[in-house]
C-alpha atoms as a PDB file:
ATOM      1  CA  MET A   1       0.000   0.000   0.000  1.00  0.00           C
ATOM      2  CA  SER A   2       1.420   3.398  -0.986  1.00  0.00           C
ATOM      3  CA  ASN A   3       2.359   5.961   1.649  1.00  0.00           C
ATOM      4  CA  THR A   4       1.043   8.735  -0.596  1.00  0.00           C
ATOM      5  CA  ILE A   5      -2.510   9.966  -0.176  1.00  0.00           C
ATOM      6  CA  SER A   6      -4.277   8.929  -3.360  1.00  0.00           C
ATOM      7  CA  PRO A   7      -6.206  11.392  -5.560  1.00  0.00           C
ATOM      8  CA  SER A   8      -9.314   9.316  -4.851  1.00  0.00           C
ATOM      9  CA  ILE A   9      -9.053   9.881  -1.081  1.00  0.00           C
ATOM     10  CA  LEU A  10      -8.388  13.594  -1.568  1.00  0.00           C
ATOM     11  CA  ARG A  11     -11.389  13.905  -3.885  1.00  0.00           C
ATOM     12  CA  ARG A  12     -13.670  12.129  -1.403  1.00  0.00           C
ATOM     13  CA  TYR A  13     -12.324  14.265   1.440  1.00  0.00           C
ATOM     14  CA  ASN A  14     -13.089  17.406  -0.534  1.00  0.00           C
ATOM     15  CA  GLN A  15     -16.642  16.193  -1.123  1.00  0.00           C
ATOM     16  CA  TYR A  16     -17.000  15.381   2.592  1.00  0.00           C
ATOM     17  CA  LEU A  17     -15.984  18.909   3.571  1.00  0.00           C
ATOM     18  CA  ARG A  18     -18.178  20.540   0.972  1.00  0.00           C
ATOM     19  CA  LEU A  19     -21.336  18.413   1.248  1.00  0.00           C
ATOM     20  CA  GLU A  20     -21.380  16.987   4.771  1.00  0.00           C
ATOM     21  CA  ARG A  21     -19.733  19.851   6.636  1.00  0.00           C
ATOM     22  CA  GLY A  22     -20.970  22.630   4.358  1.00  0.00           C
ATOM     23  CA  PHE A  23     -17.646  24.450   4.099  1.00  0.00           C
ATOM     24  CA  SER A  24     -17.214  27.447   1.810  1.00  0.00           C
ATOM     25  CA  ASP A  25     -14.662  27.548  -1.003  1.00  0.00           C
ATOM     26  CA  HIS A  26     -12.425  29.742   1.151  1.00  0.00           C
ATOM     27  CA  THR A  27     -12.463  27.260   4.046  1.00  0.00           C
ATOM     28  CA  LEU A  28     -11.927  24.333   1.666  1.00  0.00           C
ATOM     29  CA  ASP A  29      -8.855  26.058   0.286  1.00  0.00           C
ATOM     30  CA  ALA A  30      -7.494  26.664   3.803  1.00  0.00           C
ATOM     31  CA  TYR A  31      -8.008  23.013   4.808  1.00  0.00           C
ATOM     32  CA  GLN A  32      -6.309  21.885   1.614  1.00  0.00           C
ATOM     33  CA  LYS A  33      -3.245  24.026   2.372  1.00  0.00           C
ATOM     34  CA  ASP A  34      -3.128  22.701   5.938  1.00  0.00           C
ATOM     35  CA  LEU A  35      -3.172  19.145   4.631  1.00  0.00           C
ATOM     36  CA  GLU A  36      -0.369  19.971   2.195  1.00  0.00           C
ATOM     37  CA  LYS A  37       1.803  21.122   5.113  1.00  0.00           C
ATOM     38  CA  LEU A  38       1.217  17.805   6.867  1.00  0.00           C
ATOM     39  CA  THR A  39       1.823  15.657   3.795  1.00  0.00           C
ATOM     40  CA  GLY A  40       4.988  17.631   3.025  1.00  0.00           C
ATOM     41  CA  PHE A  41       6.244  16.753   6.513  1.00  0.00           C
ATOM     42  CA  PHE A  42       5.296  13.092   6.000  1.00  0.00           C
ATOM     43  CA  GLU A  43       7.128  12.919   2.688  1.00  0.00           C
ATOM     44  CA  ALA A  44      10.266  14.494   4.178  1.00  0.00           C
ATOM     45  CA  GLU A  45      10.260  12.031   7.074  1.00  0.00           C
ATOM     46  CA  GLY A  46       9.113   8.930   5.140  1.00  0.00           C
ATOM     47  CA  ILE A  47       5.944   8.557   7.251  1.00  0.00           C
ATOM     48  CA  ASP A  48       2.912   6.545   6.089  1.00  0.00           C
ATOM     49  CA  PHE A  49      -0.151   8.754   6.655  1.00  0.00           C
ATOM     50  CA  ARG A  50      -2.164   5.675   7.703  1.00  0.00           C
ATOM     51  CA  MET A  51       0.417   4.562  10.263  1.00  0.00           C
ATOM     52  CA  VAL A  52       1.345   7.938  11.770  1.00  0.00           C
ATOM     53  CA  THR A  53       1.692   7.984  15.548  1.00  0.00           C
ATOM     54  CA  LEU A  54       0.765  10.622  18.099  1.00  0.00           C
ATOM     55  CA  GLU A  55       4.481  11.162  18.775  1.00  0.00           C
ATOM     56  CA  GLN A  56       5.142  11.866  15.083  1.00  0.00           C
ATOM     57  CA  LEU A  57       2.275  14.365  14.984  1.00  0.00           C
ATOM     58  CA  GLN A  58       3.699  16.037  18.086  1.00  0.00           C
ATOM     59  CA  THR A  59       7.028  16.326  16.253  1.00  0.00           C
ATOM     60  CA  PHE A  60       5.147  18.019  13.389  1.00  0.00           C
ATOM     61  CA  VAL A  61       3.778  20.550  15.905  1.00  0.00           C
ATOM     62  CA  ALA A  62       7.228  21.058  17.467  1.00  0.00           C
ATOM     63  CA  THR A  63       8.720  21.671  14.022  1.00  0.00           C
ATOM     64  CA  MET A  64       6.175  24.392  13.299  1.00  0.00           C
ATOM     65  CA  MET A  65       6.943  26.023  16.643  1.00  0.00           C
ATOM     66  CA  ASP A  66      10.681  25.829  15.902  1.00  0.00           C
ATOM     67  CA  VAL A  67      10.284  27.924  12.759  1.00  0.00           C
ATOM     68  CA  GLY A  68       8.265  30.529  14.637  1.00  0.00           C
ATOM     69  CA  ILE A  69       4.668  29.767  13.622  1.00  0.00           C
ATOM     70  CA  THR A  70       2.269  31.291  16.157  1.00  0.00           C
ATOM     71  CA  PRO A  71       0.195  29.034  18.439  1.00  0.00           C
ATOM     72  CA  ARG A  72      -2.961  30.485  16.860  1.00  0.00           C
ATOM     73  CA  SER A  73      -1.819  29.483  13.361  1.00  0.00           C
ATOM     74  CA  ILE A  74      -0.743  26.034  14.574  1.00  0.00           C
ATOM     75  CA  ALA A  75      -4.143  25.508  16.183  1.00  0.00           C
ATOM     76  CA  ARG A  76      -5.827  26.353  12.874  1.00  0.00           C
ATOM     77  CA  ILE A  77      -3.572  23.955  10.958  1.00  0.00           C
ATOM     78  CA  LEU A  78      -4.264  21.182  13.466  1.00  0.00           C
ATOM     79  CA  ALA A  79      -8.015  21.718  13.028  1.00  0.00           C
ATOM     80  CA  GLY A  80      -7.527  20.722   9.392  1.00  0.00           C
ATOM     81  CA  VAL A  81      -5.365  17.739  10.355  1.00  0.00           C
ATOM     82  CA  ARG A  82      -7.973  16.472  12.837  1.00  0.00           C
ATOM     83  CA  SER A  83     -10.702  16.882  10.251  1.00  0.00           C
ATOM     84  CA  PHE A  84      -8.772  14.763   7.747  1.00  0.00           C
ATOM     85  CA  TYR A  85      -8.216  11.915  10.207  1.00  0.00           C
ATOM     86  CA  LYS A  86     -11.829  12.029  11.342  1.00  0.00           C
ATOM     87  CA  PHE A  87     -12.763  11.569   7.688  1.00  0.00           C
ATOM     88  CA  LEU A  88     -10.327   8.638   7.287  1.00  0.00           C
ATOM     89  CA  LEU A  89     -11.867   6.974  10.347  1.00  0.00           C
ATOM     90  CA  LEU A  90     -15.391   7.440   9.004  1.00  0.00           C
ATOM     91  CA  GLU A  91     -14.313   5.976   5.657  1.00  0.00           C
ATOM     92  CA  ARG A  92     -12.603   3.045   7.440  1.00  0.00           C
ATOM     93  CA  GLU A  93      -9.264   3.933   5.874  1.00  0.00           C
ATOM     94  CA  ILE A  94      -7.800   3.756   9.395  1.00  0.00           C
ATOM     95  CA  ASP A  95      -8.861   1.939  12.584  1.00  0.00           C
ATOM     96  CA  VAL A  96      -7.669   4.482  15.163  1.00  0.00           C
ATOM     97  CA  ASP A  97      -7.630   8.276  15.014  1.00  0.00           C
ATOM     98  CA  PRO A  98      -4.035   9.342  15.864  1.00  0.00           C
ATOM     99  CA  THR A  99      -5.141  12.950  16.479  1.00  0.00           C
ATOM    100  CA  GLU A 100      -7.520  12.054  19.327  1.00  0.00           C
ATOM    101  CA  LEU A 101      -5.006  13.039  22.027  1.00  0.00           C
ATOM    102  CA  LEU A 102      -3.156  15.650  19.965  1.00  0.00           C
ATOM    103  CA  GLU A 103      -3.095  18.987  21.794  1.00  0.00           C
ATOM    104  CA  SER A 104      -2.635  22.416  20.289  1.00  0.00           C
ATOM    105  CA  PRO A 105       0.099  24.627  21.806  1.00  0.00           C
ATOM    106  CA  ALA A 106      -1.080  27.019  24.489  1.00  0.00           C
ATOM    107  CA  ARG A 107      -2.062  30.316  22.917  1.00  0.00           C
ATOM    108  CA  GLY A 108      -0.687  32.126  25.936  1.00  0.00           C
ATOM    109  CA  HIS A 109       2.866  31.252  24.867  1.00  0.00           C
ATOM    110  CA  HIS A 110       4.498  34.486  23.778  1.00  0.00           C
ATOM    111  CA  LEU A 111       5.914  34.792  20.308  1.00  0.00           C
ATOM    112  CA  PRO A 112       6.691  38.026  18.458  1.00  0.00           C
ATOM    113  CA  ASP A 113       4.022  39.611  16.313  1.00  0.00           C
ATOM    114  CA  VAL A 114       3.985  39.000  12.579  1.00  0.00           C
ATOM    115  CA  LEU A 115       4.139  41.996  10.279  1.00  0.00           C
ATOM    116  CA  THR A 116       2.268  41.937   6.999  1.00  0.00           C
ATOM    117  CA  VAL A 117       4.205  42.600   3.790  1.00  0.00           C
ATOM    118  CA  GLU A 118       2.425  45.954   3.624  1.00  0.00           C
ATOM    119  CA  GLU A 119       3.555  46.874   7.160  1.00  0.00           C
ATOM    120  CA  ILE A 120       7.141  45.960   6.309  1.00  0.00           C
ATOM    121  CA  ASP A 121       6.927  48.132   3.190  1.00  0.00           C
ATOM    122  CA  THR A 122       5.527  50.977   5.323  1.00  0.00           C
ATOM    123  CA  LEU A 123       8.411  50.765   7.798  1.00  0.00           C
ATOM    124  CA  ILE A 124      11.031  50.724   5.046  1.00  0.00           C
ATOM    125  CA  ALA A 125       9.338  53.572   3.171  1.00  0.00           C
ATOM    126  CA  ALA A 126       9.431  55.667   6.367  1.00  0.00           C
ATOM    127  CA  ILE A 127      13.244  55.696   6.383  1.00  0.00           C
ATOM    128  CA  ASP A 128      14.519  59.170   5.527  1.00  0.00           C
ATOM    129  CA  LEU A 129      17.073  58.707   2.752  1.00  0.00           C
ATOM    130  CA  SER A 130      18.169  62.333   3.106  1.00  0.00           C
ATOM    131  CA  LYS A 131      19.815  61.366   6.393  1.00  0.00           C
ATOM    132  CA  VAL A 132      23.323  59.953   6.277  1.00  0.00           C
ATOM    133  CA  GLU A 133      22.246  56.654   7.851  1.00  0.00           C
ATOM    134  CA  GLY A 134      19.105  56.275   5.713  1.00  0.00           C
ATOM    135  CA  GLN A 135      20.468  53.896   3.079  1.00  0.00           C
ATOM    136  CA  ARG A 136      22.206  51.802   5.729  1.00  0.00           C
ATOM    137  CA  ASP A 137      18.934  51.389   7.629  1.00  0.00           C
ATOM    138  CA  ARG A 138      17.064  50.372   4.451  1.00  0.00           C
ATOM    139  CA  ALA A 139      19.688  47.724   3.761  1.00  0.00           C
ATOM    140  CA  ILE A 140      19.398  46.500   7.352  1.00  0.00           C
ATOM    141  CA  LEU A 141      15.619  45.998   7.262  1.00  0.00           C
ATOM    142  CA  GLU A 142      15.642  44.407   3.808  1.00  0.00           C
ATOM    143  CA  THR A 143      18.385  41.991   4.842  1.00  0.00           C
ATOM    144  CA  LEU A 144      16.580  41.079   8.085  1.00  0.00           C
ATOM    145  CA  TYR A 145      13.373  40.339   6.202  1.00  0.00           C
ATOM    146  CA  SER A 146      14.876  38.792   3.080  1.00  0.00           C
ATOM    147  CA  CYS A 147      17.143  36.369   4.940  1.00  0.00           C
ATOM    148  CA  GLY A 148      15.343  35.805   8.253  1.00  0.00           C
ATOM    149  CA  LEU A 149      18.432  36.704  10.293  1.00  0.00           C
ATOM    150  CA  ARG A 150      18.833  37.011  14.037  1.00  0.00           C
ATOM    151  CA  VAL A 151      19.942  40.538  14.982  1.00  0.00           C
ATOM    152  CA  SER A 152      23.279  39.135  16.219  1.00  0.00           C
ATOM    153  CA  GLU A 153      23.793  37.458  12.833  1.00  0.00           C
ATOM    154  CA  LEU A 154      23.050  40.716  11.045  1.00  0.00           C
ATOM    155  CA  CYS A 155      25.489  42.702  13.184  1.00  0.00           C
ATOM    156  CA  GLY A 156      28.182  40.073  12.667  1.00  0.00           C
ATOM    157  CA  LEU A 157      27.768  39.933   8.893  1.00  0.00           C
ATOM    158  CA  LYS A 158      31.018  40.330   6.927  1.00  0.00           C
ATOM    159  CA  ILE A 159      31.586  41.514   3.370  1.00  0.00           C
ATOM    160  CA  SER A 160      33.490  38.269   2.815  1.00  0.00           C
ATOM    161  CA  ASP A 161      30.252  36.436   3.734  1.00  0.00           C
ATOM    162  CA  LEU A 162      28.376  37.978   0.795  1.00  0.00           C
ATOM    163  CA  TYR A 163      28.021  36.174  -2.513  1.00  0.00           C
ATOM    164  CA  LEU A 164      25.641  38.652  -4.057  1.00  0.00           C
ATOM    165  CA  ASN A 165      26.236  37.612  -7.671  1.00  0.00           C
ATOM    166  CA  GLU A 166      25.248  34.076  -6.719  1.00  0.00           C
ATOM    167  CA  GLY A 167      22.342  35.279  -4.558  1.00  0.00           C
ATOM    168  CA  PHE A 168      23.587  33.881  -1.220  1.00  0.00           C
ATOM    169  CA  ILE A 169      25.060  35.078   2.053  1.00  0.00           C
ATOM    170  CA  ARG A 170      26.968  33.031   4.618  1.00  0.00           C
ATOM    171  CA  VAL A 171      25.550  33.363   8.112  1.00  0.00           C
ATOM    172  CA  HIS A 172      27.377  32.609  11.357  1.00  0.00           C
ATOM    173  CA  GLY A 173      24.638  31.364  13.678  1.00  0.00           C
ATOM    174  CA  LYS A 174      24.385  30.051  17.208  1.00  0.00           C
ATOM    175  CA  GLY A 175      27.013  27.577  18.333  1.00  0.00           C
ATOM    176  CA  LYS A 176      29.403  28.819  15.638  1.00  0.00           C
ATOM    177  CA  LYS A 177      27.324  26.999  13.038  1.00  0.00           C
ATOM    178  CA  GLU A 178      27.426  28.369   9.500  1.00  0.00           C
ATOM    179  CA  ARG A 179      24.679  28.226   6.902  1.00  0.00           C
ATOM    180  CA  LEU A 180      24.132  29.604   3.414  1.00  0.00           C
ATOM    181  CA  VAL A 181      20.945  31.613   3.005  1.00  0.00           C
ATOM    182  CA  PRO A 182      19.470  32.942  -0.265  1.00  0.00           C
ATOM    183  CA  ILE A 183      19.041  36.718  -0.462  1.00  0.00           C
ATOM    184  CA  SER A 184      16.396  38.519  -2.515  1.00  0.00           C
ATOM    185  CA  PRO A 185      17.254  40.808  -5.454  1.00  0.00           C
ATOM    186  CA  ARG A 186      15.647  43.712  -3.540  1.00  0.00           C
ATOM    187  CA  ALA A 187      17.987  43.237  -0.584  1.00  0.00           C
ATOM    188  CA  VAL A 188      20.975  42.913  -2.921  1.00  0.00           C
ATOM    189  CA  GLU A 189      20.076  46.288  -4.497  1.00  0.00           C
ATOM    190  CA  GLU A 190      19.807  47.965  -1.082  1.00  0.00           C
ATOM    191  CA  LEU A 191      23.142  46.515   0.025  1.00  0.00           C
ATOM    192  CA  GLU A 192      24.875  47.713  -3.137  1.00  0.00           C
ATOM    193  CA  ARG A 193      23.494  51.226  -2.581  1.00  0.00           C
ATOM    194  CA  TRP A 194      24.712  51.058   1.025  1.00  0.00           C
ATOM    195  CA  PHE A 195      28.224  50.091  -0.053  1.00  0.00           C
ATOM    196  CA  ALA A 196      28.354  53.216  -2.224  1.00  0.00           C
ATOM    197  CA  VAL A 197      27.734  55.276   0.954  1.00  0.00           C
ATOM    198  CA  ARG A 198      29.819  53.086   3.272  1.00  0.00           C
ATOM    199  CA  GLN A 199      33.058  53.839   1.416  1.00  0.00           C
ATOM    200  CA  ASP A 200      32.975  57.425   2.764  1.00  0.00           C
ATOM    201  CA  ILE A 201      33.055  56.278   6.413  1.00  0.00           C
ATOM    202  CA  ASN A 202      36.267  56.571   8.405  1.00  0.00           C
ATOM    203  CA  ILE A 203      36.428  52.864   9.245  1.00  0.00           C
ATOM    204  CA  LYS A 204      38.285  51.804  12.376  1.00  0.00           C
ATOM    205  CA  PRO A 205      41.228  49.456  11.649  1.00  0.00           C
ATOM    206  CA  GLY A 206      40.139  45.830  11.876  1.00  0.00           C
ATOM    207  CA  CYS A 207      36.522  46.626  10.937  1.00  0.00           C
ATOM    208  CA  GLU A 208      37.010  46.847   7.161  1.00  0.00           C
ATOM    209  CA  ASP A 209      35.181  43.552   6.560  1.00  0.00           C
ATOM    210  CA  ASP A 210      32.077  44.390   8.616  1.00  0.00           C
ATOM    211  CA  VAL A 211      28.979  45.112   6.533  1.00  0.00           C
ATOM    212  CA  PHE A 212      27.019  47.451   8.817  1.00  0.00           C
ATOM    213  CA  LEU A 213      28.944  50.234  10.546  1.00  0.00           C
ATOM    214  CA  SER A 214      28.363  53.196  12.827  1.00  0.00           C
ATOM    215  CA  PHE A 215      28.948  56.476  10.984  1.00  0.00           C
ATOM    216  CA  ARG A 216      30.286  58.149  14.125  1.00  0.00           C
ATOM    217  CA  ARG A 217      32.630  55.420  15.363  1.00  0.00           C
ATOM    218  CA  GLY A 218      33.419  53.461  12.201  1.00  0.00           C
ATOM    219  CA  THR A 219      32.842  50.228  14.124  1.00  0.00           C
ATOM    220  CA  PRO A 220      30.303  47.392  13.667  1.00  0.00           C
ATOM    221  CA  LEU A 221      26.729  48.323  14.466  1.00  0.00           C
ATOM    222  CA  SER A 222      25.484  47.105  17.859  1.00  0.00           C
ATOM    223  CA  ARG A 223      22.325  45.073  18.464  1.00  0.00           C
ATOM    224  CA  ILE A 224      20.949  47.914  20.599  1.00  0.00           C
ATOM    225  CA  THR A 225      21.305  50.325  17.677  1.00  0.00           C
ATOM    226  CA  VAL A 226      19.334  48.003  15.402  1.00  0.00           C
ATOM    227  CA  PHE A 227      16.598  47.711  18.051  1.00  0.00           C
ATOM    228  CA  HIS A 228      16.520  51.506  18.282  1.00  0.00           C
ATOM    229  CA  ILE A 229      16.196  51.877  14.495  1.00  0.00           C
ATOM    230  CA  VAL A 230      13.179  49.565  14.438  1.00  0.00           C
ATOM    231  CA  LYS A 231      11.522  51.196  17.471  1.00  0.00           C
ATOM    232  CA  GLU A 232      11.872  54.703  16.028  1.00  0.00           C
ATOM    233  CA  LEU A 233      10.372  53.603  12.701  1.00  0.00           C
ATOM    234  CA  CYS A 234       7.440  52.022  14.533  1.00  0.00           C
ATOM    235  CA  LYS A 235       6.802  55.295  16.366  1.00  0.00           C
ATOM    236  CA  ALA A 236       6.990  57.245  13.109  1.00  0.00           C
ATOM    237  CA  THR A 237       4.510  54.968  11.323  1.00  0.00           C
ATOM    238  CA  GLY A 238       2.164  54.162  14.189  1.00  0.00           C
ATOM    239  CA  ILE A 239       2.856  50.442  13.896  1.00  0.00           C
ATOM    240  CA  ARG A 240       2.560  48.593  17.220  1.00  0.00           C
ATOM    241  CA  THR A 241       5.510  49.085  19.563  1.00  0.00           C
ATOM    242  CA  SER A 242       5.972  45.359  20.242  1.00  0.00           C
ATOM    243  CA  VAL A 243       7.861  45.076  16.939  1.00  0.00           C
ATOM    244  CA  SER A 244      11.566  44.248  17.254  1.00  0.00           C
ATOM    245  CA  PRO A 245      14.295  43.100  14.826  1.00  0.00           C
ATOM    246  CA  HIS A 246      13.232  39.517  15.601  1.00  0.00           C
ATOM    247  CA  THR A 247       9.775  40.322  14.238  1.00  0.00           C
ATOM    248  CA  PHE A 248      11.279  40.488  10.743  1.00  0.00           C
ATOM    249  CA  ARG A 249      12.728  36.995  11.197  1.00  0.00           C
ATOM    250  CA  HIS A 250       9.397  35.697  12.472  1.00  0.00           C
ATOM    251  CA  SER A 251       7.571  37.357   9.566  1.00  0.00           C
ATOM    252  CA  PHE A 252      10.070  35.800   7.133  1.00  0.00           C
ATOM    253  CA  ALA A 253       9.209  32.293   8.377  1.00  0.00           C
ATOM    254  CA  THR A 254       5.465  32.904   8.529  1.00  0.00           C
ATOM    255  CA  HIS A 255       5.220  34.441   5.049  1.00  0.00           C
ATOM    256  CA  LEU A 256       7.212  31.581   3.539  1.00  0.00           C
ATOM    257  CA  LEU A 257       5.008  28.974   5.202  1.00  0.00           C
ATOM    258  CA  GLU A 258       1.827  30.764   4.154  1.00  0.00           C
ATOM    259  CA  GLY A 259       3.202  30.949   0.617  1.00  0.00           C
ATOM    260  CA  GLY A 260       3.617  27.166   0.541  1.00  0.00           C
ATOM    261  CA  ALA A 261       7.337  26.716   1.280  1.00  0.00           C
ATOM    262  CA  ASN A 262       8.532  23.395   2.690  1.00  0.00           C
ATOM    263  CA  LEU A 263       8.629  23.421   6.492  1.00  0.00           C
ATOM    264  CA  ARG A 264      11.981  21.640   6.641  1.00  0.00           C
ATOM    265  CA  ALA A 265      13.540  24.095   4.176  1.00  0.00           C
ATOM    266  CA  ILE A 266      12.378  27.021   6.329  1.00  0.00           C
ATOM    267  CA  GLN A 267      13.881  25.362   9.392  1.00  0.00           C
ATOM    268  CA  GLU A 268      17.277  25.073   7.723  1.00  0.00           C
ATOM    269  CA  MET A 269      17.196  28.608   6.356  1.00  0.00           C
ATOM    270  CA  LEU A 270      16.533  29.912   9.875  1.00  0.00           C
ATOM    271  CA  GLY A 271      19.369  27.822  11.292  1.00  0.00           C
ATOM    272  CA  HIS A 272      16.970  26.133  13.744  1.00  0.00           C
ATOM    273  CA  GLU A 273      17.824  22.710  15.092  1.00  0.00           C
ATOM    274  CA  GLY A 274      15.450  22.432  18.010  1.00  0.00           C
ATOM    275  CA  ILE A 275      15.662  19.665  20.593  1.00  0.00           C
ATOM    276  CA  ALA A 276      12.414  18.117  19.378  1.00  0.00           C
ATOM    277  CA  THR A 277      13.641  17.834  15.799  1.00  0.00           C
ATOM    278  CA  THR A 278      17.400  17.219  16.149  1.00  0.00           C
ATOM    279  CA  GLU A 279      17.231  13.496  15.452  1.00  0.00           C
ATOM    280  CA  ILE A 280      15.041  13.872  12.393  1.00  0.00           C
ATOM    281  CA  TYR A 281      16.895  16.872  10.969  1.00  0.00           C
ATOM    282  CA  MET A 282      17.104  16.456   7.217  1.00  0.00           C
ATOM    283  CA  HIS A 283      19.716  18.025   4.943  1.00  0.00           C
ATOM    284  CA  VAL A 284      18.244  20.077   2.102  1.00  0.00           C
ATOM    285  CA  ASP A 285      20.577  20.919  -0.775  1.00  0.00           C
ATOM    286  CA  ARG A 286      21.420  24.572  -1.403  1.00  0.00           C
ATOM    287  CA  HIS A 287      19.803  24.703  -4.819  1.00  0.00           C
ATOM    288  CA  HIS A 288      16.517  23.562  -3.325  1.00  0.00           C
ATOM    289  CA  LEU A 289      16.761  26.156  -0.547  1.00  0.00           C
ATOM    290  CA  ARG A 290      17.276  28.904  -3.091  1.00  0.00           C
ATOM    291  CA  GLN A 291      14.275  27.659  -5.094  1.00  0.00           C
ATOM    292  CA  GLU A 292      12.115  27.699  -1.938  1.00  0.00           C
ATOM    293  CA  ILE A 293      13.039  31.349  -1.338  1.00  0.00           C
ATOM    294  CA  LEU A 294      12.569  32.377  -4.973  1.00  0.00           C
ATOM    295  CA  GLN A 295       9.186  30.667  -5.221  1.00  0.00           C
ATOM    296  CA  HIS A 296       7.645  31.645  -1.885  1.00  0.00           C
ATOM    297  CA  HIS A 297       9.189  34.799  -0.371  1.00  0.00           C
ATOM    298  CA  PRO A 298       7.024  37.898  -1.007  1.00  0.00           C
ATOM    299  CA  ARG A 299      10.025  39.978  -2.114  1.00  0.00           C
ATOM    300  CA  ASN A 300      10.814  37.535  -4.897  1.00  0.00           C
ATOM    301  CA  LEU A 301       7.183  37.119  -5.883  1.00  0.00           C
ATOM    302  CA  LYS A 302       6.925  40.884  -6.392  1.00  0.00           C
ATOM    303  CA  ASN A 303      10.163  40.914  -8.357  1.00  0.00           C
ATOM    304  CA  SER A 304       8.883  38.141 -10.636  1.00  0.00           C
ATOM    305  CA  GLU A 305       5.627  40.006 -11.258  1.00  0.00           C
ATOM    306  CA  LYS A 306       7.565  43.107 -12.333  1.00  0.00           C
ATOM    307  CA  GLU A 307       9.647  41.074 -14.770  1.00  0.00           C
ATOM    308  CA  ALA A 308       6.598  39.314 -16.233  1.00  0.00           C
END
């Protein structure tokens, strides 16, 4: 028996949702996307959807939490998963419902807010390019959002880590682990404009390779300065004050997932190797990672539309 969910089962499930549960086209589409997230996880881990265990489903939940998906979004996804297994039980495709004891994460667990693409555009547009630091700040926000970086990774970024012609940057993450992350054409443009300004800075000896510098000191930008940049832009635009540099990283992961990117690819691009998923961590080749970014990140989608 194949591990893959057959077109026949999917067709019957769609009819069940539409006719027996009376779902609208919008809800049907949402449930279909939720199921695709689950089946993508199954395929990556070699799991038979009929034989899945509660522990494996809990790992699926832990993986979503690792890449920064909010408890509210996870709860919605799990509603679709439970619906599918209830259907399989009714159709006698399975004998036991593995989701019966599956719990959603507590919604009280704090995670940073997610910005919409429009809010990110508003923040970036609010940067005053007439100020000496304007272009630097634009490059900072675009790089945070395009690459899903931690603020410490951004501040530690070196010119020798940039492979802009190839569309990648090398990131030095936690535990001295390195990863290659695709970078959007928009962020590349902002970085190149920043380098044209950066060459006029009186750079302190030993800091020549650092990407983002203080104009006054000629030294690498501090994490506190990046936090301050984001906070001031939020005040100027009226966007909620809970936004921090990490919000751009969280938005990066959420927008990719909502766009249909593979959960495991997002995990590797973020440099996450959570305790719950360490043993099942799967290597994804760099070409595939770049394709995930190009196909699903809003910045690249907009770029493709302009070229079309």
